[in-house]
C-alpha atoms as a PDB file:
ATOM      1  CA  UNK A   1     -42.859  77.023   6.490  1.00  0.00           C
ATOM      2  CA  UNK A   2     -40.933  76.550   3.223  1.00  0.00           C
ATOM      3  CA  UNK A   3     -40.386  79.403   0.409  1.00  0.00           C
ATOM      4  CA  UNK A   4     -42.952  77.544  -1.969  1.00  0.00           C
ATOM      5  CA  UNK A   5     -45.487  75.782   0.365  1.00  0.00           C
ATOM      6  CA  UNK A   6     -48.185  78.153  -1.148  1.00  0.00           C
ATOM      7  CA  UNK A   7     -48.143  77.342  -4.838  1.00  0.00           C
ATOM      8  CA  UNK A   8     -46.577  73.482  -4.474  1.00  0.00           C
ATOM      9  CA  UNK A   9     -49.752  71.724  -4.522  1.00  0.00           C
ATOM     10  CA  UNK A  10     -51.615  74.010  -6.976  1.00  0.00           C
ATOM     11  CA  UNK A  11     -52.389  72.353 -10.222  1.00  0.00           C
ATOM     12  CA  UNK A  12     -50.750  73.473 -13.341  1.00  0.00           C
ATOM     13  CA  UNK A  13     -52.566  76.074 -15.363  1.00  0.00           C
ATOM     14  CA  UNK A  14     -54.067  74.885 -18.769  1.00  0.00           C
ATOM     15  CA  UNK A  15     -54.797  77.342 -21.343  1.00  0.00           C
ATOM     16  CA  UNK A  16     -58.083  77.872 -22.908  1.00  0.00           C
ATOM     17  CA  UNK A  17     -56.544  79.436 -25.988  1.00  0.00           C
ATOM     18  CA  UNK A  18     -54.288  77.000 -27.169  1.00  0.00           C
ATOM     19  CA  UNK A  19     -54.532  73.253 -27.860  1.00  0.00           C
ATOM     20  CA  UNK A  20     -51.550  71.185 -25.977  1.00  0.00           C
ATOM     21  CA  UNK A  21     -48.394  70.719 -28.011  1.00  0.00           C
ATOM     22  CA  UNK A  22     -48.048  67.139 -29.678  1.00  0.00           C
ATOM     23  CA  UNK A  23     -45.578  65.031 -27.886  1.00  0.00           C
ATOM     24  CA  UNK A  24     -43.694  64.606 -31.363  1.00  0.00           C
ATOM     25  CA  UNK A  25     -43.049  68.469 -31.373  1.00  0.00           C
ATOM     26  CA  UNK A  26     -42.281  68.415 -27.513  1.00  0.00           C
ATOM     27  CA  UNK A  27     -39.603  66.036 -27.895  1.00  0.00           C
ATOM     28  CA  UNK A  28     -38.037  67.976 -30.570  1.00  0.00           C
ATOM     29  CA  UNK A  29     -37.667  70.915 -28.791  1.00  0.00           C
ATOM     30  CA  UNK A  30     -35.086  68.995 -26.812  1.00  0.00           C
ATOM     31  CA  UNK A  31     -33.128  67.308 -29.749  1.00  0.00           C
ATOM     32  CA  UNK A  32     -29.615  68.424 -30.535  1.00  0.00           C
ATOM     33  CA  UNK A  33     -29.000  70.804 -33.353  1.00  0.00           C
ATOM     34  CA  UNK A  34     -25.726  72.378 -35.018  1.00  0.00           C
ATOM     35  CA  UNK A  35     -26.000  75.933 -33.852  1.00  0.00           C
ATOM     36  CA  UNK A  36     -22.502  76.646 -35.725  1.00  0.00           C
ATOM     37  CA  UNK A  37     -22.616  74.623 -39.056  1.00  0.00           C
ATOM     38  CA  UNK A  38     -18.936  73.587 -40.101  1.00  0.00           C
ATOM     39  CA  UNK A  39     -17.890  74.282 -36.401  1.00  0.00           C
ATOM     40  CA  UNK A  40     -16.922  70.658 -35.886  1.00  0.00           C
ATOM     41  CA  UNK A  41     -15.167  70.295 -39.025  1.00  0.00           C
ATOM     42  CA  UNK A  42     -13.102  73.428 -38.436  1.00  0.00           C
ATOM     43  CA  UNK A  43     -12.127  72.252 -35.024  1.00  0.00           C
ATOM     44  CA  UNK A  44     -11.185  68.788 -36.678  1.00  0.00           C
ATOM     45  CA  UNK A  45      -9.179  70.428 -39.233  1.00  0.00           C
ATOM     46  CA  UNK A  46      -7.058  72.715 -36.571  1.00  0.00           C
ATOM     47  CA  UNK A  47      -6.353  69.706 -34.592  1.00  0.00           C
ATOM     48  CA  UNK A  48      -4.952  67.859 -37.702  1.00  0.00           C
ATOM     49  CA  UNK A  49      -3.079  70.905 -38.365  1.00  0.00           C
ATOM     50  CA  UNK A  50      -1.760  71.192 -34.932  1.00  0.00           C
ATOM     51  CA  UNK A  51      -0.599  67.516 -34.946  1.00  0.00           C
ATOM     52  CA  UNK A  52       0.955  67.973 -38.158  1.00  0.00           C
ATOM     53  CA  UNK A  53       3.087  70.892 -36.726  1.00  0.00           C
ATOM     54  CA  UNK A  54       4.335  68.957 -33.739  1.00  0.00           C
ATOM     55  CA  UNK A  55       5.477  65.884 -35.796  1.00  0.00           C
ATOM     56  CA  UNK A  56       7.341  68.514 -38.093  1.00  0.00           C
ATOM     57  CA  UNK A  57       8.876  70.371 -34.937  1.00  0.00           C
ATOM     58  CA  UNK A  58       9.857  67.063 -33.673  1.00  0.00           C
ATOM     59  CA  UNK A  59      11.384  65.489 -36.839  1.00  0.00           C
ATOM     60  CA  UNK A  60      11.981  68.289 -39.130  1.00  0.00           C
ATOM     61  CA  UNK A  61      14.448  66.037 -41.489  1.00  0.00           C
ATOM     62  CA  UNK A  62      11.040  64.173 -42.442  1.00  0.00           C
ATOM     63  CA  UNK A  63       8.501  65.034 -44.961  1.00  0.00           C
ATOM     64  CA  UNK A  64       4.962  64.238 -43.999  1.00  0.00           C
ATOM     65  CA  UNK A  65       1.569  63.998 -46.219  1.00  0.00           C
ATOM     66  CA  UNK A  66      -1.990  64.090 -45.835  1.00  0.00           C
ATOM     67  CA  UNK A  67      -3.320  60.653 -45.559  1.00  0.00           C
END
């Protein structure tokens, strides 16, 4: 006998107090969102700074300007 054999064939419960959620709202629960606003920009800026520092270390005689 399996671990869930006693409940595997039960019907799912349907609330008597709450109407079913519309499909549009259900789908919105799984849409991506930016939990940390500005995080992507900060990571991008840090990557650019890191790359600039590498270039400066490799070629200290040259001047580098942002494009």
